[in-house]
All heavy atoms as atom14 arrays in JSON, in Angstrom:
{
  "sequence": "GWSRGTIGAAVSVNLALYGLTAPFAAALMDRFGIRRVVAAALIVIALG",
  "atom14_mask": [
    [1, 1, 1, 1, 0, 0, 0, 0, 0, 0, 0, 0, 0, 0],
    [1, 1, 1, 1, 1, 1, 1, 1, 1, 1, 1, 1, 1, 1],
    [1, 1, 1, 1, 1, 1, 0, 0, 0, 0, 0, 0, 0, 0],
    [1, 1, 1, 1, 1, 1, 1, 1, 1, 1, 1, 0, 0, 0],
    [1, 1, 1, 1, 0, 0, 0, 0, 0, 0, 0, 0, 0, 0],
    [1, 1, 1, 1, 1, 1, 1, 0, 0, 0, 0, 0, 0, 0],
    [1, 1, 1, 1, 1, 1, 1, 1, 0, 0, 0, 0, 0, 0],
    [1, 1, 1, 1, 0, 0, 0, 0, 0, 0, 0, 0, 0, 0],
    [1, 1, 1, 1, 1, 0, 0, 0, 0, 0, 0, 0, 0, 0],
    [1, 1, 1, 1, 1, 0, 0, 0, 0, 0, 0, 0, 0, 0],
    [1, 1, 1, 1, 1, 1, 1, 0, 0, 0, 0, 0, 0, 0],
    [1, 1, 1, 1, 1, 1, 0, 0, 0, 0, 0, 0, 0, 0],
    [1, 1, 1, 1, 1, 1, 1, 0, 0, 0, 0, 0, 0, 0],
    [1, 1, 1, 1, 1, 1, 1, 1, 0, 0, 0, 0, 0, 0],
    [1, 1, 1, 1, 1, 1, 1, 1, 0, 0, 0, 0, 0, 0],
    [1, 1, 1, 1, 1, 0, 0, 0, 0, 0, 0, 0, 0, 0],
    [1, 1, 1, 1, 1, 1, 1, 1, 0, 0, 0, 0, 0, 0],
    [1, 1, 1, 1, 1, 1, 1, 1, 1, 1, 1, 1, 0, 0],
    [1, 1, 1, 1, 0, 0, 0, 0, 0, 0, 0, 0, 0, 0],
    [1, 1, 1, 1, 1, 1, 1, 1, 0, 0, 0, 0, 0, 0],
    [1, 1, 1, 1, 1, 1, 1, 0, 0, 0, 0, 0, 0, 0],
    [1, 1, 1, 1, 1, 0, 0, 0, 0, 0, 0, 0, 0, 0],
    [1, 1, 1, 1, 1, 1, 1, 0, 0, 0, 0, 0, 0, 0],
    [1, 1, 1, 1, 1, 1, 1, 1, 1, 1, 1, 0, 0, 0],
    [1, 1, 1, 1, 1, 0, 0, 0, 0, 0, 0, 0, 0, 0],
    [1, 1, 1, 1, 1, 0, 0, 0, 0, 0, 0, 0, 0, 0],
    [1, 1, 1, 1, 1, 0, 0, 0, 0, 0, 0, 0, 0, 0],
    [1, 1, 1, 1, 1, 1, 1, 1, 0, 0, 0, 0, 0, 0],
    [1, 1, 1, 1, 1, 1, 1, 1, 0, 0, 0, 0, 0, 0],
    [1, 1, 1, 1, 1, 1, 1, 1, 0, 0, 0, 0, 0, 0],
    [1, 1, 1, 1, 1, 1, 1, 1, 1, 1, 1, 0, 0, 0],
    [1, 1, 1, 1, 1, 1, 1, 1, 1, 1, 1, 0, 0, 0],
    [1, 1, 1, 1, 0, 0, 0, 0, 0, 0, 0, 0, 0, 0],
    [1, 1, 1, 1, 1, 1, 1, 1, 0, 0, 0, 0, 0, 0],
    [1, 1, 1, 1, 1, 1, 1, 1, 1, 1, 1, 0, 0, 0],
    [1, 1, 1, 1, 1, 1, 1, 1, 1, 1, 1, 0, 0, 0],
    [1, 1, 1, 1, 1, 1, 1, 0, 0, 0, 0, 0, 0, 0],
    [1, 1, 1, 1, 1, 1, 1, 0, 0, 0, 0, 0, 0, 0],
    [1, 1, 1, 1, 1, 0, 0, 0, 0, 0, 0, 0, 0, 0],
    [1, 1, 1, 1, 1, 0, 0, 0, 0, 0, 0, 0, 0, 0],
    [1, 1, 1, 1, 1, 0, 0, 0, 0, 0, 0, 0, 0, 0],
    [1, 1, 1, 1, 1, 1, 1, 1, 0, 0, 0, 0, 0, 0],
    [1, 1, 1, 1, 1, 1, 1, 1, 0, 0, 0, 0, 0, 0],
    [1, 1, 1, 1, 1, 1, 1, 0, 0, 0, 0, 0, 0, 0],
    [1, 1, 1, 1, 1, 1, 1, 1, 0, 0, 0, 0, 0, 0],
    [1, 1, 1, 1, 1, 0, 0, 0, 0, 0, 0, 0, 0, 0],
    [1, 1, 1, 1, 1, 1, 1, 1, 0, 0, 0, 0, 0, 0],
    [1, 1, 1, 1, 0, 0, 0, 0, 0, 0, 0, 0, 0, 0]
  ],
  "atom14_positions": [
    [[23.8, 7.07, -3.79], [23.39, 6.64, -5.19], [22.02, 6.08, -5.24], [21.71, 5.41, -6.31], [0.0, 0.0, 0.0], [0.0, 0.0, 0.0], [0.0, 0.0, 0.0], [0.0, 0.0, 0.0], [0.0, 0.0, 0.0], [0.0, 0.0, 0.0], [0.0, 0.0, 0.0], [0.0, 0.0, 0.0], [0.0, 0.0, 0.0], [0.0, 0.0, 0.0]],
    [[21.22, 6.12, -4.25], [19.85, 5.69, -4.32], [19.04, 6.47, -5.34], [19.07, 7.61, -5.46], [19.12, 5.76, -2.93], [19.91, 5.01, -1.97], [20.72, 3.93, -2.1], [19.8, 5.3, -0.39], [21.12, 3.47, -0.89], [20.66, 4.34, 0.21], [19.22, 6.26, 0.34], [20.93, 4.27, 1.45], [19.41, 6.14, 1.7], [20.24, 5.19, 2.27]],
    [[18.13, 5.9, -6.07], [17.26, 6.65, -6.98], [16.27, 7.45, -6.19], [15.93, 7.17, -5.0], [16.54, 5.56, -7.81], [15.49, 4.92, -7.14], [0.0, 0.0, 0.0], [0.0, 0.0, 0.0], [0.0, 0.0, 0.0], [0.0, 0.0, 0.0], [0.0, 0.0, 0.0], [0.0, 0.0, 0.0], [0.0, 0.0, 0.0], [0.0, 0.0, 0.0]],
    [[15.71, 8.43, -6.88], [14.72, 9.33, -6.27], [13.44, 8.55, -6.01], [12.75, 8.79, -5.04], [14.39, 10.54, -7.18], [15.5, 11.49, -7.18], [15.27, 12.54, -8.2], [16.37, 13.61, -8.19], [17.57, 13.56, -8.83], [17.72, 12.47, -9.57], [18.43, 14.5, -8.84], [0.0, 0.0, 0.0], [0.0, 0.0, 0.0], [0.0, 0.0, 0.0]],
    [[13.18, 7.51, -6.81], [12.06, 6.64, -6.51], [12.22, 5.89, -5.24], [11.24, 5.71, -4.48], [0.0, 0.0, 0.0], [0.0, 0.0, 0.0], [0.0, 0.0, 0.0], [0.0, 0.0, 0.0], [0.0, 0.0, 0.0], [0.0, 0.0, 0.0], [0.0, 0.0, 0.0], [0.0, 0.0, 0.0], [0.0, 0.0, 0.0], [0.0, 0.0, 0.0]],
    [[13.4, 5.4, -4.96], [13.72, 4.72, -3.68], [13.52, 5.62, -2.56], [12.85, 5.24, -1.47], [15.08, 4.03, -3.73], [15.21, 3.16, -4.77], [15.39, 3.36, -2.4], [0.0, 0.0, 0.0], [0.0, 0.0, 0.0], [0.0, 0.0, 0.0], [0.0, 0.0, 0.0], [0.0, 0.0, 0.0], [0.0, 0.0, 0.0], [0.0, 0.0, 0.0]],
    [[14.07, 6.82, -2.64], [14.02, 7.75, -1.52], [12.54, 8.14, -1.3], [11.98, 8.3, -0.22], [14.85, 8.93, -1.77], [16.31, 8.46, -1.86], [14.68, 9.95, -0.62], [17.26, 9.62, -2.49], [0.0, 0.0, 0.0], [0.0, 0.0, 0.0], [0.0, 0.0, 0.0], [0.0, 0.0, 0.0], [0.0, 0.0, 0.0], [0.0, 0.0, 0.0]],
    [[11.8, 8.37, -2.49], [10.34, 8.73, -2.41], [9.58, 7.59, -1.73], [8.61, 7.88, -1.09], [0.0, 0.0, 0.0], [0.0, 0.0, 0.0], [0.0, 0.0, 0.0], [0.0, 0.0, 0.0], [0.0, 0.0, 0.0], [0.0, 0.0, 0.0], [0.0, 0.0, 0.0], [0.0, 0.0, 0.0], [0.0, 0.0, 0.0], [0.0, 0.0, 0.0]],
    [[9.98, 6.35, -2.01], [9.24, 5.26, -1.29], [9.35, 5.31, 0.12], [8.31, 5.0, 0.89], [9.81, 3.9, -1.87], [0.0, 0.0, 0.0], [0.0, 0.0, 0.0], [0.0, 0.0, 0.0], [0.0, 0.0, 0.0], [0.0, 0.0, 0.0], [0.0, 0.0, 0.0], [0.0, 0.0, 0.0], [0.0, 0.0, 0.0], [0.0, 0.0, 0.0]],
    [[10.55, 5.65, 0.67], [10.68, 5.73, 2.18], [9.83, 6.87, 2.7], [9.13, 6.76, 3.68], [12.14, 6.02, 2.46], [0.0, 0.0, 0.0], [0.0, 0.0, 0.0], [0.0, 0.0, 0.0], [0.0, 0.0, 0.0], [0.0, 0.0, 0.0], [0.0, 0.0, 0.0], [0.0, 0.0, 0.0], [0.0, 0.0, 0.0], [0.0, 0.0, 0.0]],
    [[9.77, 8.01, 1.89], [8.92, 9.16, 2.32], [7.49, 8.71, 2.21], [6.64, 9.04, 3.12], [9.2, 10.36, 1.46], [8.25, 11.5, 1.78], [10.77, 10.82, 1.55], [0.0, 0.0, 0.0], [0.0, 0.0, 0.0], [0.0, 0.0, 0.0], [0.0, 0.0, 0.0], [0.0, 0.0, 0.0], [0.0, 0.0, 0.0], [0.0, 0.0, 0.0]],
    [[7.12, 7.96, 1.3], [5.71, 7.54, 1.21], [5.28, 6.49, 2.21], [4.19, 6.59, 2.79], [5.49, 6.76, -0.23], [6.02, 5.54, -0.13], [0.0, 0.0, 0.0], [0.0, 0.0, 0.0], [0.0, 0.0, 0.0], [0.0, 0.0, 0.0], [0.0, 0.0, 0.0], [0.0, 0.0, 0.0], [0.0, 0.0, 0.0], [0.0, 0.0, 0.0]],
    [[6.2, 5.73, 2.76], [5.96, 4.86, 3.89], [5.68, 5.8, 5.18], [4.69, 5.57, 5.89], [7.06, 3.98, 4.16], [6.9, 3.18, 5.52], [7.2, 2.86, 3.09], [0.0, 0.0, 0.0], [0.0, 0.0, 0.0], [0.0, 0.0, 0.0], [0.0, 0.0, 0.0], [0.0, 0.0, 0.0], [0.0, 0.0, 0.0], [0.0, 0.0, 0.0]],
    [[6.5, 6.81, 5.25], [6.3, 7.64, 6.42], [5.02, 8.43, 6.39], [4.26, 8.43, 7.29], [7.44, 8.78, 6.3], [7.3, 9.88, 7.37], [6.43, 10.74, 7.2], [8.23, 9.86, 8.29], [0.0, 0.0, 0.0], [0.0, 0.0, 0.0], [0.0, 0.0, 0.0], [0.0, 0.0, 0.0], [0.0, 0.0, 0.0], [0.0, 0.0, 0.0]],
    [[4.63, 8.97, 5.1], [3.36, 9.68, 5.04], [2.1, 8.68, 5.22], [1.14, 9.14, 5.75], [3.34, 10.29, 3.66], [4.31, 11.45, 3.37], [4.27, 11.89, 1.91], [4.01, 12.62, 4.19], [0.0, 0.0, 0.0], [0.0, 0.0, 0.0], [0.0, 0.0, 0.0], [0.0, 0.0, 0.0], [0.0, 0.0, 0.0], [0.0, 0.0, 0.0]],
    [[2.26, 7.47, 4.69], [1.12, 6.53, 4.84], [0.9, 6.21, 6.22], [-0.25, 6.18, 6.84], [1.35, 5.23, 3.98], [0.0, 0.0, 0.0], [0.0, 0.0, 0.0], [0.0, 0.0, 0.0], [0.0, 0.0, 0.0], [0.0, 0.0, 0.0], [0.0, 0.0, 0.0], [0.0, 0.0, 0.0], [0.0, 0.0, 0.0], [0.0, 0.0, 0.0]],
    [[2.05, 5.92, 7.01], [1.91, 5.53, 8.4], [1.36, 6.78, 9.29], [0.61, 6.58, 10.25], [3.23, 5.02, 9.02], [3.52, 3.58, 8.54], [4.98, 3.23, 9.04], [2.56, 2.59, 9.01], [0.0, 0.0, 0.0], [0.0, 0.0, 0.0], [0.0, 0.0, 0.0], [0.0, 0.0, 0.0], [0.0, 0.0, 0.0], [0.0, 0.0, 0.0]],
    [[1.82, 7.89, 8.85], [1.32, 9.2, 9.49], [-0.19, 9.2, 9.6], [-0.84, 9.54, 10.48], [1.95, 10.31, 8.81], [1.49, 11.74, 9.21], [2.12, 12.42, 10.2], [0.26, 12.31, 8.7], [1.86, 13.64, 10.68], [-0.11, 13.58, 9.14], [0.6, 14.22, 10.12], [0.23, 15.45, 10.56], [0.0, 0.0, 0.0], [0.0, 0.0, 0.0]],
    [[-0.77, 8.74, 8.39], [-2.22, 8.74, 8.33], [-2.83, 7.55, 8.96], [-3.89, 7.61, 9.74], [0.0, 0.0, 0.0], [0.0, 0.0, 0.0], [0.0, 0.0, 0.0], [0.0, 0.0, 0.0], [0.0, 0.0, 0.0], [0.0, 0.0, 0.0], [0.0, 0.0, 0.0], [0.0, 0.0, 0.0], [0.0, 0.0, 0.0], [0.0, 0.0, 0.0]],
    [[-2.26, 6.35, 8.7], [-2.9, 5.1, 9.19], [-2.81, 5.01, 10.59], [-3.74, 4.3, 11.26], [-2.32, 3.9, 8.49], [-2.61, 3.83, 6.98], [-1.71, 2.71, 6.34], [-3.98, 3.63, 6.7], [0.0, 0.0, 0.0], [0.0, 0.0, 0.0], [0.0, 0.0, 0.0], [0.0, 0.0, 0.0], [0.0, 0.0, 0.0], [0.0, 0.0, 0.0]],
    [[-1.8, 5.65, 11.32], [-1.72, 5.57, 12.76], [-2.79, 6.52, 13.54], [-3.11, 6.19, 14.64], [-0.24, 5.89, 13.19], [0.57, 5.12, 12.46], [-0.13, 5.84, 14.64], [0.0, 0.0, 0.0], [0.0, 0.0, 0.0], [0.0, 0.0, 0.0], [0.0, 0.0, 0.0], [0.0, 0.0, 0.0], [0.0, 0.0, 0.0], [0.0, 0.0, 0.0]],
    [[-3.17, 7.52, 12.77], [-3.9, 8.56, 13.38], [-5.22, 8.07, 14.09], [-5.43, 8.43, 15.34], [-4.25, 9.67, 12.47], [0.0, 0.0, 0.0], [0.0, 0.0, 0.0], [0.0, 0.0, 0.0], [0.0, 0.0, 0.0], [0.0, 0.0, 0.0], [0.0, 0.0, 0.0], [0.0, 0.0, 0.0], [0.0, 0.0, 0.0], [0.0, 0.0, 0.0]],
    [[-6.06, 7.28, 13.42], [-7.35, 6.78, 14.13], [-7.03, 5.96, 15.38], [-7.75, 6.04, 16.35], [-8.02, 5.99, 13.01], [-7.04, 5.6, 12.09], [-6.04, 6.8, 12.07], [0.0, 0.0, 0.0], [0.0, 0.0, 0.0], [0.0, 0.0, 0.0], [0.0, 0.0, 0.0], [0.0, 0.0, 0.0], [0.0, 0.0, 0.0], [0.0, 0.0, 0.0]],
    [[-5.98, 5.15, 15.29], [-5.62, 4.3, 16.49], [-5.06, 5.14, 17.59], [-5.28, 5.0, 18.81], [-4.58, 3.21, 16.06], [-5.18, 2.25, 15.11], [-4.88, 2.39, 13.7], [-5.99, 1.21, 15.48], [-5.32, 1.47, 12.86], [-6.44, 0.35, 14.59], [-6.24, 0.41, 13.26], [0.0, 0.0, 0.0], [0.0, 0.0, 0.0], [0.0, 0.0, 0.0]],
    [[-4.29, 6.23, 17.19], [-3.73, 7.22, 18.25], [-4.97, 7.92, 18.9], [-4.93, 8.12, 20.17], [-2.8, 8.17, 17.59], [0.0, 0.0, 0.0], [0.0, 0.0, 0.0], [0.0, 0.0, 0.0], [0.0, 0.0, 0.0], [0.0, 0.0, 0.0], [0.0, 0.0, 0.0], [0.0, 0.0, 0.0], [0.0, 0.0, 0.0], [0.0, 0.0, 0.0]],
    [[-6.0, 8.27, 18.2], [-7.14, 8.97, 18.81], [-7.82, 8.01, 19.76], [-8.24, 8.52, 20.85], [-8.08, 9.42, 17.71], [0.0, 0.0, 0.0], [0.0, 0.0, 0.0], [0.0, 0.0, 0.0], [0.0, 0.0, 0.0], [0.0, 0.0, 0.0], [0.0, 0.0, 0.0], [0.0, 0.0, 0.0], [0.0, 0.0, 0.0], [0.0, 0.0, 0.0]],
    [[-7.99, 6.7, 19.4], [-8.48, 5.79, 20.4], [-7.64, 5.56, 21.58], [-8.11, 5.47, 22.74], [-8.87, 4.49, 19.63], [0.0, 0.0, 0.0], [0.0, 0.0, 0.0], [0.0, 0.0, 0.0], [0.0, 0.0, 0.0], [0.0, 0.0, 0.0], [0.0, 0.0, 0.0], [0.0, 0.0, 0.0], [0.0, 0.0, 0.0], [0.0, 0.0, 0.0]],
    [[-6.32, 5.58, 21.37], [-5.38, 5.35, 22.45], [-5.56, 6.62, 23.39], [-5.29, 6.38, 24.66], [-3.94, 5.29, 21.92], [-3.59, 3.84, 21.37], [-2.21, 3.97, 20.71], [-3.66, 2.81, 22.4], [0.0, 0.0, 0.0], [0.0, 0.0, 0.0], [0.0, 0.0, 0.0], [0.0, 0.0, 0.0], [0.0, 0.0, 0.0], [0.0, 0.0, 0.0]],
    [[-5.73, 7.7, 22.91], [-5.78, 8.93, 23.8], [-7.13, 8.83, 24.61], [-7.11, 9.28, 25.78], [-5.94, 10.26, 22.84], [-4.66, 10.56, 22.24], [-4.89, 12.07, 21.18], [-3.15, 12.1, 20.36], [0.0, 0.0, 0.0], [0.0, 0.0, 0.0], [0.0, 0.0, 0.0], [0.0, 0.0, 0.0], [0.0, 0.0, 0.0], [0.0, 0.0, 0.0]],
    [[-8.19, 8.18, 24.08], [-9.31, 7.85, 24.98], [-8.99, 6.87, 26.04], [-9.56, 6.81, 27.09], [-10.46, 7.45, 24.07], [-11.0, 8.48, 23.17], [-10.86, 9.72, 23.54], [-11.72, 8.15, 22.17], [0.0, 0.0, 0.0], [0.0, 0.0, 0.0], [0.0, 0.0, 0.0], [0.0, 0.0, 0.0], [0.0, 0.0, 0.0], [0.0, 0.0, 0.0]],
    [[-8.11, 5.98, 25.75], [-7.71, 4.89, 26.68], [-6.66, 5.38, 27.76], [-6.89, 5.11, 28.9], [-7.23, 3.7, 26.0], [-6.79, 2.54, 26.83], [-7.9, 1.85, 27.65], [-7.41, 0.83, 28.41], [-6.97, 0.91, 29.64], [-6.83, 2.19, 30.23], [-6.64, -0.08, 30.36], [0.0, 0.0, 0.0], [0.0, 0.0, 0.0], [0.0, 0.0, 0.0]],
    [[-5.61, 5.95, 27.28], [-4.46, 6.3, 28.15], [-4.29, 7.73, 28.38], [-3.44, 8.09, 29.18], [-3.22, 5.68, 27.61], [-3.16, 4.19, 27.48], [-3.34, 3.59, 26.14], [-3.08, 3.38, 28.58], [-3.31, 2.14, 26.06], [-3.11, 1.98, 28.44], [-3.25, 1.4, 27.14], [0.0, 0.0, 0.0], [0.0, 0.0, 0.0], [0.0, 0.0, 0.0]],
    [[-5.0, 8.56, 27.78], [-4.81, 9.97, 27.91], [-4.0, 10.71, 26.87], [-3.13, 10.07, 26.27], [0.0, 0.0, 0.0], [0.0, 0.0, 0.0], [0.0, 0.0, 0.0], [0.0, 0.0, 0.0], [0.0, 0.0, 0.0], [0.0, 0.0, 0.0], [0.0, 0.0, 0.0], [0.0, 0.0, 0.0], [0.0, 0.0, 0.0], [0.0, 0.0, 0.0]],
    [[-4.27, 12.05, 26.68], [-3.49, 12.66, 25.58], [-2.01, 12.77, 25.91], [-1.08, 12.59, 25.04], [-3.97, 14.08, 25.38], [-5.55, 14.01, 24.89], [-3.32, 14.84, 24.38], [-6.3, 15.32, 24.87], [0.0, 0.0, 0.0], [0.0, 0.0, 0.0], [0.0, 0.0, 0.0], [0.0, 0.0, 0.0], [0.0, 0.0, 0.0], [0.0, 0.0, 0.0]],
    [[-1.71, 13.08, 27.18], [-0.28, 13.35, 27.57], [0.63, 12.13, 27.27], [1.72, 12.38, 26.78], [-0.26, 13.78, 29.14], [-0.48, 15.16, 29.36], [0.01, 15.45, 30.76], [-0.42, 14.48, 31.75], [-0.02, 14.48, 33.06], [0.87, 15.37, 33.46], [-0.51, 13.65, 33.91], [0.0, 0.0, 0.0], [0.0, 0.0, 0.0], [0.0, 0.0, 0.0]],
    [[0.19, 11.03, 27.72], [1.12, 9.82, 27.57], [1.24, 9.49, 26.06], [2.49, 9.09, 25.63], [0.4, 8.66, 28.33], [0.36, 8.79, 29.85], [-0.34, 7.67, 30.43], [-0.34, 7.77, 31.87], [-1.08, 7.0, 32.65], [-1.67, 5.89, 32.18], [-1.11, 7.15, 34.04], [0.0, 0.0, 0.0], [0.0, 0.0, 0.0], [0.0, 0.0, 0.0]],
    [[0.23, 9.55, 25.32], [0.37, 9.1, 23.9], [1.26, 10.14, 23.15], [2.12, 9.7, 22.38], [-1.09, 9.05, 23.22], [-0.94, 8.81, 21.71], [-1.93, 8.0, 23.79], [0.0, 0.0, 0.0], [0.0, 0.0, 0.0], [0.0, 0.0, 0.0], [0.0, 0.0, 0.0], [0.0, 0.0, 0.0], [0.0, 0.0, 0.0], [0.0, 0.0, 0.0]],
    [[1.03, 11.39, 23.35], [1.84, 12.45, 22.63], [3.32, 12.35, 23.09], [4.23, 12.48, 22.24], [1.25, 13.83, 22.78], [2.12, 14.89, 22.1], [-0.11, 13.88, 22.19], [0.0, 0.0, 0.0], [0.0, 0.0, 0.0], [0.0, 0.0, 0.0], [0.0, 0.0, 0.0], [0.0, 0.0, 0.0], [0.0, 0.0, 0.0], [0.0, 0.0, 0.0]],
    [[3.56, 12.3, 24.37], [4.94, 12.21, 24.82], [5.7, 11.02, 24.33], [6.8, 11.03, 23.81], [4.94, 12.19, 26.37], [0.0, 0.0, 0.0], [0.0, 0.0, 0.0], [0.0, 0.0, 0.0], [0.0, 0.0, 0.0], [0.0, 0.0, 0.0], [0.0, 0.0, 0.0], [0.0, 0.0, 0.0], [0.0, 0.0, 0.0], [0.0, 0.0, 0.0]],
    [[5.01, 9.82, 24.26], [5.64, 8.64, 23.7], [5.93, 8.8, 22.23], [6.87, 8.38, 21.61], [4.74, 7.47, 23.93], [0.0, 0.0, 0.0], [0.0, 0.0, 0.0], [0.0, 0.0, 0.0], [0.0, 0.0, 0.0], [0.0, 0.0, 0.0], [0.0, 0.0, 0.0], [0.0, 0.0, 0.0], [0.0, 0.0, 0.0], [0.0, 0.0, 0.0]],
    [[4.99, 9.49, 21.47], [5.19, 9.77, 20.08], [6.38, 10.59, 19.82], [7.11, 10.34, 18.79], [3.92, 10.35, 19.42], [0.0, 0.0, 0.0], [0.0, 0.0, 0.0], [0.0, 0.0, 0.0], [0.0, 0.0, 0.0], [0.0, 0.0, 0.0], [0.0, 0.0, 0.0], [0.0, 0.0, 0.0], [0.0, 0.0, 0.0], [0.0, 0.0, 0.0]],
    [[6.56, 11.58, 20.52], [7.75, 12.53, 20.34], [9.03, 11.75, 20.61], [9.98, 12.03, 19.88], [7.59, 13.76, 21.26], [6.58, 14.76, 20.87], [6.27, 15.64, 22.07], [6.96, 15.52, 19.62], [0.0, 0.0, 0.0], [0.0, 0.0, 0.0], [0.0, 0.0, 0.0], [0.0, 0.0, 0.0], [0.0, 0.0, 0.0], [0.0, 0.0, 0.0]],
    [[8.99, 10.87, 21.53], [10.28, 10.08, 21.77], [10.58, 9.16, 20.62], [11.7, 8.94, 20.23], [10.13, 9.3, 23.13], [10.14, 10.26, 24.26], [11.25, 8.27, 23.29], [9.76, 9.7, 25.56], [0.0, 0.0, 0.0], [0.0, 0.0, 0.0], [0.0, 0.0, 0.0], [0.0, 0.0, 0.0], [0.0, 0.0, 0.0], [0.0, 0.0, 0.0]],
    [[9.51, 8.51, 20.05], [9.73, 7.7, 18.92], [10.17, 8.44, 17.69], [11.09, 8.01, 16.87], [8.38, 6.97, 18.54], [8.46, 6.18, 17.23], [7.96, 6.0, 19.71], [0.0, 0.0, 0.0], [0.0, 0.0, 0.0], [0.0, 0.0, 0.0], [0.0, 0.0, 0.0], [0.0, 0.0, 0.0], [0.0, 0.0, 0.0], [0.0, 0.0, 0.0]],
    [[9.67, 9.6, 17.53], [10.15, 10.51, 16.42], [11.61, 10.85, 16.55], [12.41, 10.77, 15.61], [9.35, 11.75, 16.31], [7.89, 11.55, 15.88], [9.93, 12.83, 15.37], [6.94, 12.7, 16.02], [0.0, 0.0, 0.0], [0.0, 0.0, 0.0], [0.0, 0.0, 0.0], [0.0, 0.0, 0.0], [0.0, 0.0, 0.0], [0.0, 0.0, 0.0]],
    [[11.94, 11.18, 17.75], [13.42, 11.45, 18.08], [14.31, 10.24, 17.78], [15.47, 10.47, 17.21], [13.6, 11.99, 19.45], [0.0, 0.0, 0.0], [0.0, 0.0, 0.0], [0.0, 0.0, 0.0], [0.0, 0.0, 0.0], [0.0, 0.0, 0.0], [0.0, 0.0, 0.0], [0.0, 0.0, 0.0], [0.0, 0.0, 0.0], [0.0, 0.0, 0.0]],
    [[13.89, 9.13, 18.19], [14.63, 7.88, 17.96], [14.79, 7.62, 16.53], [16.0, 7.34, 16.05], [13.98, 6.69, 18.66], [14.6, 5.41, 18.64], [16.02, 5.38, 19.35], [13.7, 4.27, 19.13], [0.0, 0.0, 0.0], [0.0, 0.0, 0.0], [0.0, 0.0, 0.0], [0.0, 0.0, 0.0], [0.0, 0.0, 0.0], [0.0, 0.0, 0.0]],
    [[13.77, 7.69, 15.73], [13.92, 7.33, 14.35], [14.65, 8.38, 13.59], [15.49, 8.01, 12.75], [0.0, 0.0, 0.0], [0.0, 0.0, 0.0], [0.0, 0.0, 0.0], [0.0, 0.0, 0.0], [0.0, 0.0, 0.0], [0.0, 0.0, 0.0], [0.0, 0.0, 0.0], [0.0, 0.0, 0.0], [0.0, 0.0, 0.0], [0.0, 0.0, 0.0]]
  ]
}
């Protein structure tokens, strides 16, 4: 029974974080390497 605006708000949080995390992820890849960052990201996606 959630409104479409409420569901859209959750999607908007997802989309906003998708973008706001990107520059920090690029810097993390310079610090820890591409493999470690991407593998951890996939695990977080699966958990969520």
